[in-house]
């Protein structure tokens, strides 16, 4: 069975998911916060919200391999919390 991956361009761990999504949406005319949050290339929110998004995307799109577009060690350490929630899922 083929494995599908997605490249995550925007990763932001935050308790204010809507504010962050609105900030990112403001960069592109006509884009809404909802559009940003629905993109498979964006992970914004708490670790729990991100884990839920990834599980939903796995079910919806068949994506099981995630690549973060960052060399930032802080982001990788933050993403470890998301991975911990997904272990065994």
C-alpha atoms as a PDB file:
ATOM      1  CA  UNK A   1       0.000   0.000   0.000  1.00  0.00           C
ATOM      2  CA  UNK A   2       1.450   3.413  -0.917  1.00  0.00           C
ATOM      3  CA  UNK A   3       2.218   5.874   1.821  1.00  0.00           C
ATOM      4  CA  UNK A   4       1.008   9.440   1.293  1.00  0.00           C
ATOM      5  CA  UNK A   5       2.849  12.366   2.805  1.00  0.00           C
ATOM      6  CA  UNK A   6       2.190  16.052   3.236  1.00  0.00           C
ATOM      7  CA  UNK A   7       4.588  18.930   3.709  1.00  0.00           C
ATOM      8  CA  UNK A   8       3.513  21.247   6.522  1.00  0.00           C
ATOM      9  CA  UNK A   9       4.612  24.793   5.678  1.00  0.00           C
ATOM     10  CA  UNK A  10       3.012  26.534   8.666  1.00  0.00           C
ATOM     11  CA  UNK A  11       3.429  25.100  12.162  1.00  0.00           C
ATOM     12  CA  UNK A  12       2.425  27.190  15.158  1.00  0.00           C
ATOM     13  CA  UNK A  13       1.828  25.864  18.651  1.00  0.00           C
ATOM     14  CA  UNK A  14      -0.614  28.261  20.326  1.00  0.00           C
ATOM     15  CA  UNK A  15      -3.583  28.398  22.658  1.00  0.00           C
ATOM     16  CA  UNK A  16      -5.252  30.984  20.382  1.00  0.00           C
ATOM     17  CA  UNK A  17      -5.785  29.001  17.208  1.00  0.00           C
ATOM     18  CA  UNK A  18      -8.251  31.439  15.648  1.00  0.00           C
ATOM     19  CA  UNK A  19      -6.014  34.496  16.117  1.00  0.00           C
ATOM     20  CA  UNK A  20      -3.050  32.695  14.582  1.00  0.00           C
ATOM     21  CA  UNK A  21      -5.126  31.476  11.629  1.00  0.00           C
ATOM     22  CA  UNK A  22      -6.476  34.991  11.060  1.00  0.00           C
ATOM     23  CA  UNK A  23      -2.938  36.384  11.096  1.00  0.00           C
ATOM     24  CA  UNK A  24      -1.816  33.868   8.462  1.00  0.00           C
ATOM     25  CA  UNK A  25      -4.953  34.426   6.370  1.00  0.00           C
ATOM     26  CA  UNK A  26      -4.268  38.162   6.270  1.00  0.00           C
ATOM     27  CA  UNK A  27      -1.206  37.438   4.103  1.00  0.00           C
ATOM     28  CA  UNK A  28      -3.382  36.235   1.191  1.00  0.00           C
ATOM     29  CA  UNK A  29      -6.303  38.325  -0.095  1.00  0.00           C
ATOM     30  CA  UNK A  30      -9.591  36.412   0.081  1.00  0.00           C
ATOM     31  CA  UNK A  31      -8.254  33.708   2.394  1.00  0.00           C
ATOM     32  CA  UNK A  32     -10.169  33.113   5.624  1.00  0.00           C
ATOM     33  CA  UNK A  33      -9.032  31.703   8.949  1.00  0.00           C
ATOM     34  CA  UNK A  34     -11.210  28.652   8.229  1.00  0.00           C
ATOM     35  CA  UNK A  35      -9.374  28.158   4.914  1.00  0.00           C
ATOM     36  CA  UNK A  36      -6.047  28.263   6.729  1.00  0.00           C
ATOM     37  CA  UNK A  37      -7.143  25.726   9.341  1.00  0.00           C
ATOM     38  CA  UNK A  38      -8.498  23.349   6.682  1.00  0.00           C
ATOM     39  CA  UNK A  39      -5.289  23.309   4.670  1.00  0.00           C
ATOM     40  CA  UNK A  40      -3.375  20.046   5.001  1.00  0.00           C
ATOM     41  CA  UNK A  41      -0.205  22.161   4.802  1.00  0.00           C
ATOM     42  CA  UNK A  42      -0.955  24.020   8.042  1.00  0.00           C
ATOM     43  CA  UNK A  43      -0.864  22.932  11.687  1.00  0.00           C
ATOM     44  CA  UNK A  44      -1.973  25.592  14.153  1.00  0.00           C
ATOM     45  CA  UNK A  45      -3.245  25.191  17.711  1.00  0.00           C
ATOM     46  CA  UNK A  46      -2.557  23.200  20.805  1.00  0.00           C
ATOM     47  CA  UNK A  47      -0.817  19.840  20.583  1.00  0.00           C
ATOM     48  CA  UNK A  48      -4.214  18.206  21.092  1.00  0.00           C
ATOM     49  CA  UNK A  49      -5.811  20.206  18.254  1.00  0.00           C
ATOM     50  CA  UNK A  50      -2.930  19.376  15.931  1.00  0.00           C
ATOM     51  CA  UNK A  51      -3.177  15.672  16.769  1.00  0.00           C
ATOM     52  CA  UNK A  52      -6.919  15.766  16.054  1.00  0.00           C
ATOM     53  CA  UNK A  53      -6.281  17.549  12.738  1.00  0.00           C
ATOM     54  CA  UNK A  54      -3.692  14.962  11.721  1.00  0.00           C
ATOM     55  CA  UNK A  55      -5.991  12.057  12.581  1.00  0.00           C
ATOM     56  CA  UNK A  56      -8.831  13.663  10.611  1.00  0.00           C
ATOM     57  CA  UNK A  57      -6.539  14.251   7.626  1.00  0.00           C
ATOM     58  CA  UNK A  58      -5.349  10.662   7.799  1.00  0.00           C
ATOM     59  CA  UNK A  59      -8.958   9.501   7.642  1.00  0.00           C
ATOM     60  CA  UNK A  60      -9.989  12.038   5.001  1.00  0.00           C
ATOM     61  CA  UNK A  61      -6.954  12.049   2.683  1.00  0.00           C
ATOM     62  CA  UNK A  62      -5.022   8.924   3.642  1.00  0.00           C
ATOM     63  CA  UNK A  63      -1.990  10.971   4.743  1.00  0.00           C
ATOM     64  CA  UNK A  64       0.186   9.080   7.196  1.00  0.00           C
ATOM     65  CA  UNK A  65       3.600  10.698   6.751  1.00  0.00           C
ATOM     66  CA  UNK A  66       4.118  14.295   7.884  1.00  0.00           C
ATOM     67  CA  UNK A  67       7.086  16.503   6.972  1.00  0.00           C
ATOM     68  CA  UNK A  68       7.623  19.815   8.769  1.00  0.00           C
ATOM     69  CA  UNK A  69       9.159  22.523   6.598  1.00  0.00           C
ATOM     70  CA  UNK A  70      11.379  23.830   9.338  1.00  0.00           C
ATOM     71  CA  UNK A  71      14.912  23.498  10.483  1.00  0.00           C
ATOM     72  CA  UNK A  72      13.927  25.210  13.721  1.00  0.00           C
ATOM     73  CA  UNK A  73      14.793  22.943  16.648  1.00  0.00           C
ATOM     74  CA  UNK A  74      12.098  24.612  18.770  1.00  0.00           C
ATOM     75  CA  UNK A  75       9.400  23.554  16.289  1.00  0.00           C
ATOM     76  CA  UNK A  76      10.714  20.009  16.220  1.00  0.00           C
ATOM     77  CA  UNK A  77      10.656  19.851  20.012  1.00  0.00           C
ATOM     78  CA  UNK A  78       7.114  21.272  20.049  1.00  0.00           C
ATOM     79  CA  UNK A  79       6.011  18.731  17.440  1.00  0.00           C
ATOM     80  CA  UNK A  80       7.312  15.947  19.689  1.00  0.00           C
ATOM     81  CA  UNK A  81       4.318  16.691  21.957  1.00  0.00           C
ATOM     82  CA  UNK A  82       1.970  16.114  19.020  1.00  0.00           C
ATOM     83  CA  UNK A  83       3.720  12.873  18.120  1.00  0.00           C
ATOM     84  CA  UNK A  84       3.418  11.689  21.731  1.00  0.00           C
ATOM     85  CA  UNK A  85      -0.352  12.116  21.482  1.00  0.00           C
ATOM     86  CA  UNK A  86      -0.463  10.133  18.232  1.00  0.00           C
ATOM     87  CA  UNK A  87       1.580   7.139  19.365  1.00  0.00           C
ATOM     88  CA  UNK A  88      -0.525   4.036  18.956  1.00  0.00           C
ATOM     89  CA  UNK A  89      -3.239   5.781  16.920  1.00  0.00           C
END
